C-alpha cells in the first residue's frame, strides 16, 4: 500500500505529464517518432522542384507545436485520430481516411489527443529542393 505522500507525488507527476501533452504547454515537439521519407525525388523536367512523402507517427499525447512549411502540405491520416489547427481557425479532428490541405506559409500545429493510441499519417510536399520541412514558430 502506498503512503499518502507517495500518492500525492504520483498524482502531481500525472498532472504534470498531462499538461506537457496539452497543445501550447510547450513549444517543443513531443512524442513525434522519427519519420524518414518514403519518397523524395526531383520532379522530372524541373530545375529544382522535389516531391516528398513522409510517414509520420505520434505517440499518445504527441505534438508538433506552432510551425509552418514554406511549401503547401497535404496530410492523410492512416490510423488513429489527430487534431490539426491553423492559426486563427478552430481545430479540425481527422481520423483514418481523412485528409487536410495546408497552404504554404500557414502557421499550424497538430497533435495526438489520445492517451493510449498512436497516430499515423502521411505528409505530401512539393517544394524547392530541401525546403519543404517544418520551421518552428515562437509561442504567441
N, C-alpha and C. Protein backbone atom coordinates (compact mmCIF):
# COMPACT_ATOMS: atom_id res chain seq x y z
N UNK A 1 0.84 -1.18 0.00
CA UNK A 1 0.00 0.00 0.00
C UNK A 1 0.88 1.24 0.00
N UNK A 2 0.50 2.26 -0.78
CA UNK A 2 1.29 3.48 -0.88
C UNK A 2 0.94 4.42 0.27
N UNK A 3 1.96 5.17 0.67
CA UNK A 3 1.73 6.18 1.70
C UNK A 3 0.97 7.35 1.09
N UNK A 4 0.30 8.16 1.91
CA UNK A 4 -0.40 9.34 1.37
C UNK A 4 0.55 10.27 0.62
N UNK A 5 1.80 10.41 1.10
CA UNK A 5 2.76 11.29 0.43
C UNK A 5 3.11 10.73 -0.96
N UNK A 6 3.33 9.42 -1.07
CA UNK A 6 3.62 8.81 -2.37
C UNK A 6 2.45 8.99 -3.32
N UNK A 7 1.25 8.83 -2.83
CA UNK A 7 0.05 9.02 -3.65
C UNK A 7 -0.01 10.44 -4.18
N UNK A 8 0.28 11.42 -3.33
CA UNK A 8 0.25 12.83 -3.77
C UNK A 8 1.32 13.11 -4.81
N UNK A 9 2.53 12.58 -4.58
CA UNK A 9 3.62 12.79 -5.53
C UNK A 9 3.25 12.20 -6.89
N UNK A 10 2.69 10.99 -6.90
CA UNK A 10 2.28 10.37 -8.17
C UNK A 10 1.16 11.17 -8.84
N UNK A 11 0.23 11.69 -8.05
CA UNK A 11 -0.86 12.49 -8.62
C UNK A 11 -0.32 13.76 -9.27
N UNK A 12 0.62 14.44 -8.61
CA UNK A 12 1.21 15.66 -9.16
C UNK A 12 2.00 15.32 -10.43
N UNK A 13 2.78 14.23 -10.39
CA UNK A 13 3.54 13.82 -11.58
C UNK A 13 2.60 13.53 -12.74
N UNK A 14 1.48 12.87 -12.47
CA UNK A 14 0.50 12.58 -13.51
C UNK A 14 -0.08 13.84 -14.11
N UNK A 15 -0.42 14.81 -13.27
CA UNK A 15 -0.98 16.08 -13.77
C UNK A 15 0.05 16.81 -14.63
N UNK A 16 1.31 16.81 -14.18
CA UNK A 16 2.35 17.48 -14.96
C UNK A 16 2.53 16.83 -16.32
N UNK A 17 2.45 15.50 -16.37
CA UNK A 17 2.60 14.83 -17.66
C UNK A 17 1.42 15.15 -18.58
N UNK A 18 0.22 15.28 -18.03
CA UNK A 18 -0.93 15.68 -18.85
C UNK A 18 -0.75 17.08 -19.40
N UNK A 19 -0.28 18.00 -18.56
CA UNK A 19 -0.07 19.37 -19.00
C UNK A 19 0.98 19.45 -20.10
N UNK A 20 2.01 18.61 -20.00
CA UNK A 20 3.07 18.67 -21.01
C UNK A 20 2.58 18.16 -22.36
N UNK A 21 1.51 17.37 -22.40
CA UNK A 21 0.98 16.86 -23.67
C UNK A 21 -0.14 17.73 -24.22
N UNK A 22 -0.48 18.79 -23.51
CA UNK A 22 -1.54 19.67 -23.95
C UNK A 22 -0.99 20.67 -24.94
N UNK A 23 -1.66 20.90 -26.07
CA UNK A 23 -1.17 21.86 -27.05
C UNK A 23 -0.94 23.22 -26.40
N UNK A 24 0.20 23.82 -26.71
CA UNK A 24 0.50 25.13 -26.17
C UNK A 24 1.26 25.06 -24.85
N UNK A 25 1.35 23.90 -24.21
CA UNK A 25 2.05 23.80 -22.94
C UNK A 25 3.56 23.93 -23.17
N UNK A 26 4.02 23.59 -24.34
CA UNK A 26 5.44 23.65 -24.66
C UNK A 26 5.57 23.96 -26.14
N UNK A 27 6.65 24.57 -26.52
CA UNK A 27 6.88 24.83 -27.94
C UNK A 27 7.88 23.84 -28.51
N UNK A 28 8.05 22.71 -27.87
CA UNK A 28 8.95 21.67 -28.34
C UNK A 28 8.14 20.49 -28.84
N UNK A 29 8.63 19.85 -29.89
CA UNK A 29 7.99 18.62 -30.35
C UNK A 29 8.03 17.60 -29.23
N UNK A 30 6.94 16.89 -29.07
CA UNK A 30 6.88 15.85 -28.05
C UNK A 30 6.21 14.63 -28.64
N UNK A 31 6.78 13.46 -28.41
CA UNK A 31 6.16 12.22 -28.84
C UNK A 31 6.09 12.03 -30.34
N UNK A 32 6.91 12.76 -31.09
CA UNK A 32 6.94 12.62 -32.55
C UNK A 32 8.03 11.60 -32.87
N UNK A 33 7.63 10.50 -33.45
CA UNK A 33 8.57 9.43 -33.76
C UNK A 33 9.22 9.73 -35.10
N UNK A 34 10.51 9.45 -35.22
CA UNK A 34 11.24 9.79 -36.45
C UNK A 34 10.47 9.30 -37.68
N UNK A 35 10.62 10.04 -38.75
CA UNK A 35 9.87 9.71 -39.95
C UNK A 35 10.70 9.97 -41.20
N UNK A 36 11.44 8.95 -41.60
CA UNK A 36 12.21 9.11 -42.84
C UNK A 36 11.26 9.19 -44.04
N UNK A 37 11.76 9.77 -45.09
CA UNK A 37 10.95 9.92 -46.31
C UNK A 37 10.67 8.55 -46.94
N UNK A 38 9.42 8.35 -47.33
CA UNK A 38 9.06 7.16 -48.12
C UNK A 38 9.45 7.40 -49.57
N UNK A 39 9.40 8.66 -49.99
CA UNK A 39 9.76 9.05 -51.35
C UNK A 39 10.30 10.46 -51.29
N UNK A 40 11.41 10.69 -51.93
CA UNK A 40 11.96 12.04 -52.04
C UNK A 40 12.77 12.07 -53.32
N UNK A 41 12.28 12.83 -54.30
CA UNK A 41 12.96 12.86 -55.60
C UNK A 41 12.68 14.17 -56.31
N UNK A 42 13.61 14.54 -57.18
CA UNK A 42 13.39 15.71 -58.02
C UNK A 42 12.29 15.38 -59.02
N UNK A 43 11.44 16.36 -59.28
CA UNK A 43 10.40 16.17 -60.28
C UNK A 43 11.02 16.24 -61.66
N UNK A 44 10.69 15.31 -62.52
CA UNK A 44 11.23 15.34 -63.88
C UNK A 44 10.89 16.65 -64.58
N UNK A 45 11.79 17.09 -65.40
CA UNK A 45 11.61 18.30 -66.22
C UNK A 45 11.47 19.58 -65.41
N UNK A 46 12.01 19.59 -64.19
CA UNK A 46 12.05 20.83 -63.40
C UNK A 46 13.49 21.06 -62.97
N UNK A 47 13.80 22.31 -62.73
CA UNK A 47 15.18 22.65 -62.35
C UNK A 47 15.47 22.30 -60.89
N UNK A 48 14.48 22.49 -60.00
CA UNK A 48 14.80 22.36 -58.58
C UNK A 48 13.58 22.01 -57.73
N UNK A 49 12.57 21.38 -58.32
CA UNK A 49 11.40 21.01 -57.53
C UNK A 49 11.48 19.53 -57.15
N UNK A 50 11.10 19.24 -55.91
CA UNK A 50 11.09 17.85 -55.48
C UNK A 50 9.74 17.51 -54.85
N UNK A 51 9.43 16.24 -54.89
CA UNK A 51 8.25 15.72 -54.21
C UNK A 51 8.77 14.85 -53.07
N UNK A 52 8.11 14.98 -51.91
CA UNK A 52 8.49 14.17 -50.76
C UNK A 52 7.22 13.64 -50.11
N UNK A 53 7.29 12.39 -49.66
CA UNK A 53 6.20 11.76 -48.93
C UNK A 53 6.81 11.19 -47.65
N UNK A 54 6.26 11.58 -46.53
CA UNK A 54 6.73 11.11 -45.23
C UNK A 54 5.62 10.36 -44.53
N UNK A 55 5.96 9.27 -43.86
CA UNK A 55 5.01 8.60 -42.96
C UNK A 55 5.41 9.01 -41.55
N UNK A 56 4.49 9.67 -40.87
CA UNK A 56 4.76 10.22 -39.55
C UNK A 56 3.94 9.48 -38.50
N UNK A 57 4.54 9.30 -37.35
CA UNK A 57 3.85 8.62 -36.26
C UNK A 57 4.03 9.43 -34.98
N UNK A 58 2.93 9.62 -34.26
CA UNK A 58 2.97 10.32 -32.97
C UNK A 58 2.57 9.33 -31.89
N UNK A 59 3.33 9.31 -30.83
CA UNK A 59 2.97 8.53 -29.66
C UNK A 59 1.73 9.18 -29.02
N UNK A 60 1.04 8.46 -28.14
CA UNK A 60 -0.09 9.09 -27.44
C UNK A 60 0.36 10.41 -26.80
N UNK A 61 -0.42 11.46 -27.01
CA UNK A 61 -0.08 12.78 -26.48
C UNK A 61 0.96 13.53 -27.28
N UNK A 62 1.47 12.96 -28.38
CA UNK A 62 2.50 13.61 -29.19
C UNK A 62 2.00 14.90 -29.82
N UNK A 63 2.88 15.87 -29.96
CA UNK A 63 2.50 17.17 -30.52
C UNK A 63 3.65 17.77 -31.34
N UNK A 64 3.28 18.44 -32.41
CA UNK A 64 4.20 19.30 -33.14
C UNK A 64 3.59 20.70 -33.02
N UNK A 65 4.14 21.54 -32.13
CA UNK A 65 3.54 22.86 -31.87
C UNK A 65 3.69 23.80 -33.07
N UNK A 66 3.34 25.05 -32.90
CA UNK A 66 3.30 26.05 -33.96
C UNK A 66 4.51 25.95 -34.88
N UNK A 67 4.23 25.78 -36.18
CA UNK A 67 5.26 25.75 -37.19
C UNK A 67 4.63 26.06 -38.53
N UNK A 68 5.46 26.23 -39.52
CA UNK A 68 4.96 26.42 -40.89
C UNK A 68 5.85 25.63 -41.84
N UNK A 69 5.35 25.46 -43.03
CA UNK A 69 6.11 24.85 -44.12
C UNK A 69 6.20 25.88 -45.24
N UNK A 70 7.37 26.09 -45.83
CA UNK A 70 7.48 27.04 -46.93
C UNK A 70 6.73 26.60 -48.17
N UNK A 71 6.27 25.34 -48.17
CA UNK A 71 5.52 24.79 -49.30
C UNK A 71 4.18 24.28 -48.80
N UNK A 72 3.22 24.14 -49.69
CA UNK A 72 1.93 23.55 -49.32
C UNK A 72 2.15 22.11 -48.89
N UNK A 73 1.31 21.64 -48.00
CA UNK A 73 1.44 20.27 -47.50
C UNK A 73 0.05 19.66 -47.40
N UNK A 74 -0.04 18.40 -47.75
CA UNK A 74 -1.29 17.65 -47.60
C UNK A 74 -1.05 16.53 -46.62
N UNK A 75 -1.93 16.42 -45.64
CA UNK A 75 -1.88 15.37 -44.63
C UNK A 75 -2.95 14.33 -44.95
N UNK A 76 -2.64 13.06 -44.75
CA UNK A 76 -3.60 11.98 -44.93
C UNK A 76 -3.43 11.02 -43.75
N UNK A 77 -4.49 10.84 -42.96
CA UNK A 77 -4.42 10.02 -41.75
C UNK A 77 -4.59 8.55 -42.10
N UNK A 78 -3.61 7.75 -41.66
CA UNK A 78 -3.64 6.30 -41.88
C UNK A 78 -4.35 5.58 -40.73
N UNK A 79 -4.05 5.98 -39.49
CA UNK A 79 -4.68 5.34 -38.33
C UNK A 79 -4.63 6.29 -37.14
N UNK A 80 -5.57 6.06 -36.22
CA UNK A 80 -5.67 6.93 -35.05
C UNK A 80 -6.49 8.16 -35.37
N UNK A 81 -6.49 9.09 -34.44
CA UNK A 81 -7.20 10.35 -34.59
C UNK A 81 -6.25 11.48 -34.22
N UNK A 82 -6.23 12.52 -35.03
CA UNK A 82 -5.35 13.66 -34.77
C UNK A 82 -6.12 14.96 -34.86
N UNK A 83 -5.53 15.98 -34.28
CA UNK A 83 -6.13 17.32 -34.33
C UNK A 83 -5.14 18.25 -35.00
N UNK A 84 -5.60 18.99 -36.00
CA UNK A 84 -4.80 19.99 -36.71
C UNK A 84 -5.45 21.34 -36.46
N UNK A 85 -4.63 22.35 -36.22
CA UNK A 85 -5.18 23.69 -36.04
C UNK A 85 -4.32 24.71 -36.75
N UNK A 86 -4.95 25.39 -37.72
CA UNK A 86 -4.29 26.51 -38.39
C UNK A 86 -4.52 27.75 -37.55
N UNK A 87 -3.51 28.61 -37.49
CA UNK A 87 -3.63 29.82 -36.69
C UNK A 87 -4.86 30.63 -37.11
N UNK A 88 -5.64 31.03 -36.11
CA UNK A 88 -6.83 31.84 -36.37
C UNK A 88 -8.07 31.04 -36.74
N UNK A 89 -7.96 29.71 -36.78
CA UNK A 89 -9.09 28.86 -37.13
C UNK A 89 -9.34 27.86 -36.02
N UNK A 90 -10.57 27.34 -35.93
CA UNK A 90 -10.82 26.31 -34.92
C UNK A 90 -10.10 25.02 -35.28
N UNK A 91 -9.81 24.17 -34.28
CA UNK A 91 -9.14 22.90 -34.57
C UNK A 91 -10.03 21.98 -35.40
N UNK A 92 -9.38 21.11 -36.19
CA UNK A 92 -10.06 20.14 -37.03
C UNK A 92 -9.59 18.75 -36.60
N UNK A 93 -10.53 17.86 -36.34
CA UNK A 93 -10.19 16.49 -35.96
C UNK A 93 -10.25 15.60 -37.20
N UNK A 94 -9.17 14.86 -37.42
CA UNK A 94 -9.09 13.96 -38.57
C UNK A 94 -8.89 12.53 -38.07
N UNK A 95 -9.55 11.59 -38.75
CA UNK A 95 -9.37 10.17 -38.42
C UNK A 95 -8.96 9.43 -39.68
N UNK A 96 -8.70 8.14 -39.55
CA UNK A 96 -8.22 7.34 -40.68
C UNK A 96 -9.07 7.59 -41.92
N UNK A 97 -8.42 7.89 -43.04
CA UNK A 97 -9.09 8.15 -44.30
C UNK A 97 -9.34 9.62 -44.58
N UNK A 98 -9.17 10.48 -43.57
CA UNK A 98 -9.37 11.92 -43.75
C UNK A 98 -8.08 12.59 -44.23
N UNK A 99 -8.23 13.72 -44.94
CA UNK A 99 -7.06 14.47 -45.39
C UNK A 99 -7.30 15.96 -45.17
N UNK A 100 -6.21 16.70 -45.20
CA UNK A 100 -6.27 18.15 -44.98
C UNK A 100 -5.16 18.80 -45.80
N UNK A 101 -5.49 19.85 -46.53
CA UNK A 101 -4.52 20.64 -47.29
C UNK A 101 -4.20 21.90 -46.49
N UNK A 102 -2.92 22.18 -46.30
CA UNK A 102 -2.49 23.39 -45.60
C UNK A 102 -1.63 24.20 -46.57
N UNK A 103 -2.06 25.43 -46.91
CA UNK A 103 -1.31 26.24 -47.86
C UNK A 103 0.10 26.59 -47.35
N UNK A 104 1.00 26.86 -48.26
CA UNK A 104 2.37 27.26 -47.92
C UNK A 104 2.35 28.46 -46.97
N UNK A 105 3.23 28.43 -45.97
CA UNK A 105 3.38 29.55 -45.05
C UNK A 105 2.34 29.64 -43.96
N UNK A 106 1.42 28.70 -43.89
CA UNK A 106 0.36 28.74 -42.88
C UNK A 106 0.89 28.21 -41.55
N UNK A 107 0.81 29.04 -40.52
CA UNK A 107 1.23 28.59 -39.20
C UNK A 107 0.15 27.65 -38.66
N UNK A 108 0.58 26.49 -38.19
CA UNK A 108 -0.36 25.49 -37.69
C UNK A 108 0.33 24.60 -36.67
N UNK A 109 -0.46 23.79 -36.01
CA UNK A 109 0.07 22.77 -35.10
C UNK A 109 -0.78 21.53 -35.27
N UNK A 110 -0.26 20.40 -34.83
CA UNK A 110 -1.05 19.17 -34.86
C UNK A 110 -0.60 18.27 -33.73
N UNK A 111 -1.56 17.48 -33.23
CA UNK A 111 -1.26 16.64 -32.08
C UNK A 111 -2.16 15.42 -32.03
N UNK A 112 -1.72 14.47 -31.22
CA UNK A 112 -2.46 13.24 -30.98
C UNK A 112 -3.13 13.38 -29.62
N UNK A 113 -4.45 13.54 -29.58
CA UNK A 113 -5.13 13.74 -28.31
C UNK A 113 -5.32 12.46 -27.49
N UNK A 114 -5.02 11.31 -28.08
CA UNK A 114 -5.25 10.04 -27.39
C UNK A 114 -4.22 9.80 -26.29
N UNK A 115 -4.67 9.19 -25.22
CA UNK A 115 -3.77 8.79 -24.13
C UNK A 115 -3.27 7.37 -24.33
N UNK A 116 -3.80 6.66 -25.35
CA UNK A 116 -3.42 5.26 -25.49
C UNK A 116 -3.10 4.81 -26.93
N UNK A 117 -3.58 5.52 -27.94
CA UNK A 117 -3.38 5.09 -29.33
C UNK A 117 -2.39 5.98 -30.06
N UNK A 118 -1.63 5.37 -30.95
CA UNK A 118 -0.71 6.12 -31.80
C UNK A 118 -1.50 6.75 -32.96
N UNK A 119 -0.93 7.82 -33.51
CA UNK A 119 -1.48 8.48 -34.68
C UNK A 119 -0.46 8.31 -35.80
N UNK A 120 -0.91 7.81 -36.96
CA UNK A 120 -0.04 7.66 -38.14
C UNK A 120 -0.66 8.42 -39.30
N UNK A 121 0.17 9.21 -39.99
CA UNK A 121 -0.33 9.94 -41.16
C UNK A 121 0.78 10.13 -42.16
N UNK A 122 0.37 10.41 -43.40
CA UNK A 122 1.30 10.72 -44.48
C UNK A 122 1.32 12.23 -44.68
N UNK A 123 2.49 12.72 -45.08
CA UNK A 123 2.65 14.13 -45.45
C UNK A 123 3.13 14.16 -46.89
N UNK A 124 2.44 14.89 -47.75
CA UNK A 124 2.80 15.04 -49.16
C UNK A 124 3.23 16.49 -49.38
N UNK A 125 4.46 16.67 -49.86
CA UNK A 125 5.01 18.02 -50.03
C UNK A 125 5.67 18.13 -51.40
N UNK A 126 5.35 19.19 -52.12
CA UNK A 126 6.07 19.53 -53.35
C UNK A 126 6.68 20.91 -53.08
N UNK A 127 8.01 21.00 -53.22
CA UNK A 127 8.69 22.24 -52.86
C UNK A 127 9.99 22.37 -53.64
N UNK A 128 10.65 23.52 -53.43
CA UNK A 128 12.01 23.63 -53.91
C UNK A 128 12.83 22.60 -53.15
N UNK A 129 13.87 22.11 -53.77
CA UNK A 129 14.69 21.05 -53.16
C UNK A 129 15.07 21.40 -51.72
N UNK A 130 14.77 20.47 -50.81
CA UNK A 130 15.12 20.56 -49.38
C UNK A 130 14.49 21.76 -48.66
N UNK A 131 13.37 22.27 -49.15
CA UNK A 131 12.75 23.42 -48.49
C UNK A 131 11.31 23.16 -48.05
N UNK A 132 10.92 21.91 -47.89
CA UNK A 132 9.55 21.61 -47.54
C UNK A 132 9.31 21.30 -46.07
N UNK A 133 10.36 21.04 -45.32
CA UNK A 133 10.18 20.62 -43.93
C UNK A 133 9.72 21.78 -43.05
N UNK A 134 9.30 21.44 -41.85
CA UNK A 134 8.70 22.44 -40.97
C UNK A 134 9.72 23.40 -40.37
N UNK A 135 9.25 24.61 -40.12
CA UNK A 135 10.05 25.65 -39.48
C UNK A 135 9.31 26.05 -38.20
N UNK A 136 9.88 25.76 -37.02
CA UNK A 136 9.21 26.09 -35.76
C UNK A 136 8.94 27.60 -35.65
N UNK A 137 7.85 27.93 -34.99
CA UNK A 137 7.46 29.32 -34.77
C UNK A 137 7.40 29.57 -33.26
N UNK A 138 7.76 30.79 -32.83
CA UNK A 138 7.73 31.07 -31.39
C UNK A 138 6.31 31.04 -30.83
N UNK A 139 6.20 30.79 -29.54
CA UNK A 139 4.89 30.80 -28.86
C UNK A 139 4.30 32.19 -28.95
N UNK A 140 3.00 32.26 -28.98
CA UNK A 140 2.31 33.55 -29.01
C UNK A 140 2.10 34.05 -27.62
